[in-house]
N, C-alpha and C. Protein backbone atom coordinates (compact mmCIF):
# COMPACT_ATOMS: atom_id res chain seq x y z
N MET A 1 127.83 29.02 170.69
CA MET A 1 128.59 28.03 170.08
C MET A 1 130.13 28.44 170.16
N SER A 2 130.95 27.44 170.34
CA SER A 2 132.47 27.67 170.49
C SER A 2 133.03 27.94 169.01
N ALA A 3 133.99 28.87 169.06
CA ALA A 3 134.74 29.18 167.81
C ALA A 3 135.71 28.17 167.47
N VAL A 4 136.28 27.55 168.49
CA VAL A 4 137.33 26.53 168.23
C VAL A 4 136.87 25.06 168.69
N PHE A 5 137.36 24.11 167.99
CA PHE A 5 136.99 22.76 168.36
C PHE A 5 138.12 22.15 169.30
N LEU A 6 137.72 21.57 170.32
CA LEU A 6 138.72 20.69 171.19
C LEU A 6 138.10 19.32 171.31
N PRO A 7 138.99 18.27 171.26
CA PRO A 7 138.56 16.98 171.45
C PRO A 7 138.07 16.73 172.92
N VAL A 8 137.54 15.59 173.15
CA VAL A 8 137.05 15.28 174.48
C VAL A 8 138.23 15.17 175.49
N PHE A 9 137.89 15.37 176.79
CA PHE A 9 138.98 15.41 177.90
C PHE A 9 139.77 14.12 177.80
N HIS A 10 139.25 12.94 177.53
CA HIS A 10 140.08 11.74 177.52
C HIS A 10 141.20 11.77 176.62
N HIS A 11 141.16 12.52 175.45
CA HIS A 11 142.23 12.77 174.46
C HIS A 11 143.48 13.31 175.24
N PHE A 12 143.22 14.33 176.13
CA PHE A 12 144.28 14.94 176.85
C PHE A 12 144.84 14.03 177.97
N GLU A 13 143.91 13.38 178.69
CA GLU A 13 144.32 12.45 179.69
C GLU A 13 145.34 11.37 179.22
N ASN A 14 145.20 10.98 177.93
CA ASN A 14 146.13 9.97 177.31
C ASN A 14 147.45 10.61 176.84
N GLY A 15 147.60 11.87 177.07
CA GLY A 15 148.83 12.56 176.62
C GLY A 15 148.96 13.00 175.26
N ASN A 16 147.80 13.00 174.54
CA ASN A 16 147.89 13.36 173.11
C ASN A 16 147.84 14.85 172.86
N VAL A 17 148.68 15.31 171.98
CA VAL A 17 148.83 16.68 171.56
C VAL A 17 147.71 16.92 170.52
N PHE A 18 147.14 18.13 170.50
CA PHE A 18 146.10 18.50 169.52
C PHE A 18 146.43 19.79 168.89
N THR A 19 146.35 19.93 167.62
CA THR A 19 146.44 21.26 166.90
C THR A 19 145.12 21.43 166.23
N GLY A 20 144.70 22.77 166.04
CA GLY A 20 143.54 23.05 165.27
C GLY A 20 143.59 24.50 164.78
N SER A 21 142.50 24.88 163.98
CA SER A 21 142.40 26.22 163.47
C SER A 21 141.03 26.57 163.34
N SER A 22 140.74 27.87 163.17
CA SER A 22 139.46 28.55 162.95
C SER A 22 139.78 29.72 162.09
N GLY A 23 139.61 29.74 160.81
CA GLY A 23 140.04 30.83 160.00
C GLY A 23 141.58 30.95 160.04
N SER A 24 142.08 32.20 160.34
CA SER A 24 143.48 32.27 160.47
C SER A 24 144.02 32.04 161.87
N PHE A 25 143.16 31.71 162.80
CA PHE A 25 143.42 31.47 164.18
C PHE A 25 143.86 30.09 164.24
N ARG A 26 145.14 29.80 164.83
CA ARG A 26 145.77 28.51 165.01
C ARG A 26 146.02 28.30 166.53
N TYR A 27 145.93 27.06 166.91
CA TYR A 27 146.21 26.72 168.33
C TYR A 27 146.81 25.34 168.39
N LYS A 28 147.50 25.17 169.51
CA LYS A 28 148.22 23.90 169.80
C LYS A 28 147.97 23.58 171.32
N ILE A 29 147.52 22.42 171.62
CA ILE A 29 147.29 21.98 172.95
C ILE A 29 148.28 20.88 173.33
N THR A 30 149.00 21.05 174.38
CA THR A 30 149.94 20.04 174.86
C THR A 30 149.72 19.63 176.25
N PRO A 31 149.30 18.42 176.54
CA PRO A 31 149.06 17.93 177.90
C PRO A 31 150.35 17.51 178.62
N ASN A 32 150.32 17.63 179.89
CA ASN A 32 151.48 17.26 180.65
C ASN A 32 150.74 16.18 181.62
N ALA A 33 150.61 14.98 181.22
CA ALA A 33 149.85 14.02 182.05
C ALA A 33 150.89 13.24 182.92
N VAL A 34 150.95 13.46 184.23
CA VAL A 34 151.80 12.84 185.12
C VAL A 34 151.14 11.59 185.61
N MET A 35 151.78 10.45 185.58
CA MET A 35 151.25 9.20 185.97
C MET A 35 151.62 8.95 187.41
N ILE A 36 150.71 8.19 188.05
CA ILE A 36 150.92 7.76 189.50
C ILE A 36 151.86 6.46 189.41
N PRO A 37 153.08 6.58 190.07
CA PRO A 37 153.84 5.28 190.18
C PRO A 37 153.24 4.37 191.27
N PRO A 38 153.55 3.06 191.35
CA PRO A 38 154.58 2.49 190.57
C PRO A 38 154.10 1.99 189.23
N LYS A 39 152.87 1.74 189.06
CA LYS A 39 152.29 1.08 187.78
C LYS A 39 152.23 2.08 186.68
N ASN A 40 152.12 3.37 186.96
CA ASN A 40 151.98 4.45 185.92
C ASN A 40 150.82 4.19 185.01
N LYS A 41 149.65 3.85 185.62
CA LYS A 41 148.50 3.52 184.72
C LYS A 41 147.34 4.56 184.97
N GLU A 42 147.51 5.33 185.97
CA GLU A 42 146.53 6.27 186.36
C GLU A 42 147.11 7.75 186.43
N VAL A 43 146.38 8.76 185.94
CA VAL A 43 146.84 10.10 185.87
C VAL A 43 146.72 10.75 187.25
N ASP A 44 147.73 11.46 187.64
CA ASP A 44 147.83 12.22 188.96
C ASP A 44 147.34 13.52 188.49
N TYR A 45 145.97 13.78 188.61
CA TYR A 45 145.34 14.96 188.11
C TYR A 45 145.90 16.29 188.80
N PRO A 46 146.05 16.34 190.04
CA PRO A 46 146.64 17.55 190.75
C PRO A 46 148.01 17.93 190.16
N ALA A 47 148.82 17.00 189.73
CA ALA A 47 150.06 17.22 189.27
C ALA A 47 150.24 17.45 187.87
N SER A 48 149.15 17.21 187.10
CA SER A 48 149.06 17.36 185.68
C SER A 48 148.48 18.65 185.21
N SER A 49 148.79 18.95 183.91
CA SER A 49 148.29 20.22 183.37
C SER A 49 148.08 20.07 181.87
N ILE A 50 147.51 21.18 181.25
CA ILE A 50 147.30 21.22 179.86
C ILE A 50 147.76 22.68 179.40
N LYS A 51 148.66 22.73 178.51
CA LYS A 51 149.13 23.99 177.98
C LYS A 51 148.57 24.37 176.69
N ALA A 52 147.91 25.52 176.48
CA ALA A 52 147.36 25.98 175.19
C ALA A 52 148.25 27.12 174.66
N GLU A 53 148.45 27.14 173.32
CA GLU A 53 149.26 28.17 172.73
C GLU A 53 148.49 28.63 171.46
N TYR A 54 148.51 29.89 171.09
CA TYR A 54 147.87 30.37 169.82
C TYR A 54 148.61 31.31 169.08
N TRP A 55 148.28 31.43 167.75
CA TRP A 55 148.91 32.30 166.84
C TRP A 55 147.89 32.56 165.73
N HIS A 56 148.09 33.55 164.93
CA HIS A 56 147.39 33.96 163.70
C HIS A 56 148.21 33.74 162.52
N GLY A 57 147.72 33.30 161.39
CA GLY A 57 148.47 33.37 160.09
C GLY A 57 148.34 31.91 159.46
N PRO A 58 149.03 31.93 158.28
CA PRO A 58 148.95 30.69 157.46
C PRO A 58 150.03 29.63 157.86
N LEU A 59 151.02 29.98 158.67
CA LEU A 59 152.12 29.08 158.88
C LEU A 59 151.87 28.06 160.04
N SER A 60 152.55 27.02 160.02
CA SER A 60 152.48 26.01 161.06
C SER A 60 153.17 26.58 162.38
N TYR A 61 152.97 25.81 163.42
CA TYR A 61 153.56 26.06 164.75
C TYR A 61 155.03 26.45 164.73
N GLU A 62 155.86 25.60 164.09
CA GLU A 62 157.26 25.62 163.98
C GLU A 62 157.73 26.97 163.33
N PHE A 63 156.96 27.58 162.39
CA PHE A 63 157.27 28.68 161.63
C PHE A 63 156.53 29.98 162.04
N SER A 64 155.85 29.94 163.16
CA SER A 64 155.06 31.09 163.67
C SER A 64 155.49 31.69 164.95
N GLU A 65 155.09 32.89 165.13
CA GLU A 65 155.39 33.60 166.44
C GLU A 65 154.14 33.35 167.34
N ILE A 66 154.37 32.76 168.45
CA ILE A 66 153.23 32.41 169.33
C ILE A 66 152.83 33.69 170.08
N GLU A 67 151.49 34.01 169.99
CA GLU A 67 151.06 35.31 170.53
C GLU A 67 150.45 35.13 171.93
N GLY A 68 150.20 33.97 172.32
CA GLY A 68 149.69 33.78 173.78
C GLY A 68 149.77 32.31 174.15
N GLU A 69 150.04 32.05 175.45
CA GLU A 69 150.10 30.76 175.98
C GLU A 69 149.61 30.75 177.45
N LYS A 70 148.88 29.69 177.80
CA LYS A 70 148.32 29.60 179.21
C LYS A 70 148.33 28.16 179.52
N THR A 71 148.53 27.85 180.86
CA THR A 71 148.48 26.52 181.40
C THR A 71 147.25 26.39 182.17
N PHE A 72 146.55 25.18 182.10
CA PHE A 72 145.28 24.98 182.77
C PHE A 72 145.43 23.64 183.44
N PRO A 73 144.52 23.59 184.46
CA PRO A 73 144.46 22.21 185.30
C PRO A 73 144.05 21.15 184.32
N MET A 74 144.57 19.89 184.63
CA MET A 74 144.15 18.77 183.92
C MET A 74 142.85 18.25 184.60
N SER A 75 141.74 18.71 184.10
CA SER A 75 140.36 18.36 184.55
C SER A 75 139.36 18.92 183.57
N GLN A 76 138.07 18.43 183.81
CA GLN A 76 136.96 18.87 182.84
C GLN A 76 136.93 20.30 183.03
N ASP A 77 136.94 20.92 184.20
CA ASP A 77 136.82 22.33 184.42
C ASP A 77 137.95 23.06 183.67
N GLY A 78 139.14 22.55 183.81
CA GLY A 78 140.26 23.08 183.14
C GLY A 78 140.15 23.13 181.59
N ARG A 79 139.50 22.06 181.09
CA ARG A 79 139.31 21.92 179.68
C ARG A 79 138.38 23.06 179.19
N ALA A 80 137.24 23.27 180.06
CA ALA A 80 136.25 24.28 179.81
C ALA A 80 136.92 25.64 179.86
N GLU A 81 137.69 25.97 180.90
CA GLU A 81 138.47 27.25 180.92
C GLU A 81 139.22 27.41 179.70
N MET A 82 139.97 26.44 179.27
CA MET A 82 140.77 26.48 178.01
C MET A 82 140.00 26.83 176.85
N GLN A 83 138.81 26.19 176.75
CA GLN A 83 137.85 26.44 175.63
C GLN A 83 137.49 27.96 175.53
N ALA A 84 137.15 28.43 176.71
CA ALA A 84 136.69 29.82 176.75
C ALA A 84 137.83 30.74 176.44
N TRP A 85 138.98 30.48 176.95
CA TRP A 85 140.15 31.32 176.75
C TRP A 85 140.56 31.33 175.24
N LEU A 86 140.57 30.21 174.54
CA LEU A 86 140.85 30.21 173.17
C LEU A 86 139.79 30.90 172.38
N ASP A 87 138.49 30.67 172.79
CA ASP A 87 137.42 31.40 172.04
C ASP A 87 137.48 32.88 172.15
N GLU A 88 137.94 33.31 173.34
CA GLU A 88 138.15 34.79 173.51
C GLU A 88 139.23 35.34 172.61
N HIS A 89 140.19 34.61 172.28
CA HIS A 89 141.33 35.19 171.55
C HIS A 89 141.19 34.86 170.00
N CYS A 90 140.25 34.02 169.68
CA CYS A 90 140.10 33.60 168.27
C CYS A 90 139.47 34.81 167.42
């Protein structure tokens, strides 16, 4: 079972940021969803990414020292890799 919770992939496809915690472990996930022009209604998956950052302690992102960060592909596999990476550092 995973130590950290991540929302479904669709959450990140829509450009939504997510923050979470597990005990004193804190993390922030920031997607970079690049849309395909001219209608900008579909995600360009190869050009898109998801950045994960983590820290420990009671303070919020703005008041903490980030201990690690990594960027993953915008894909179901990228989400799974991110989950494993966060679990490893939790």
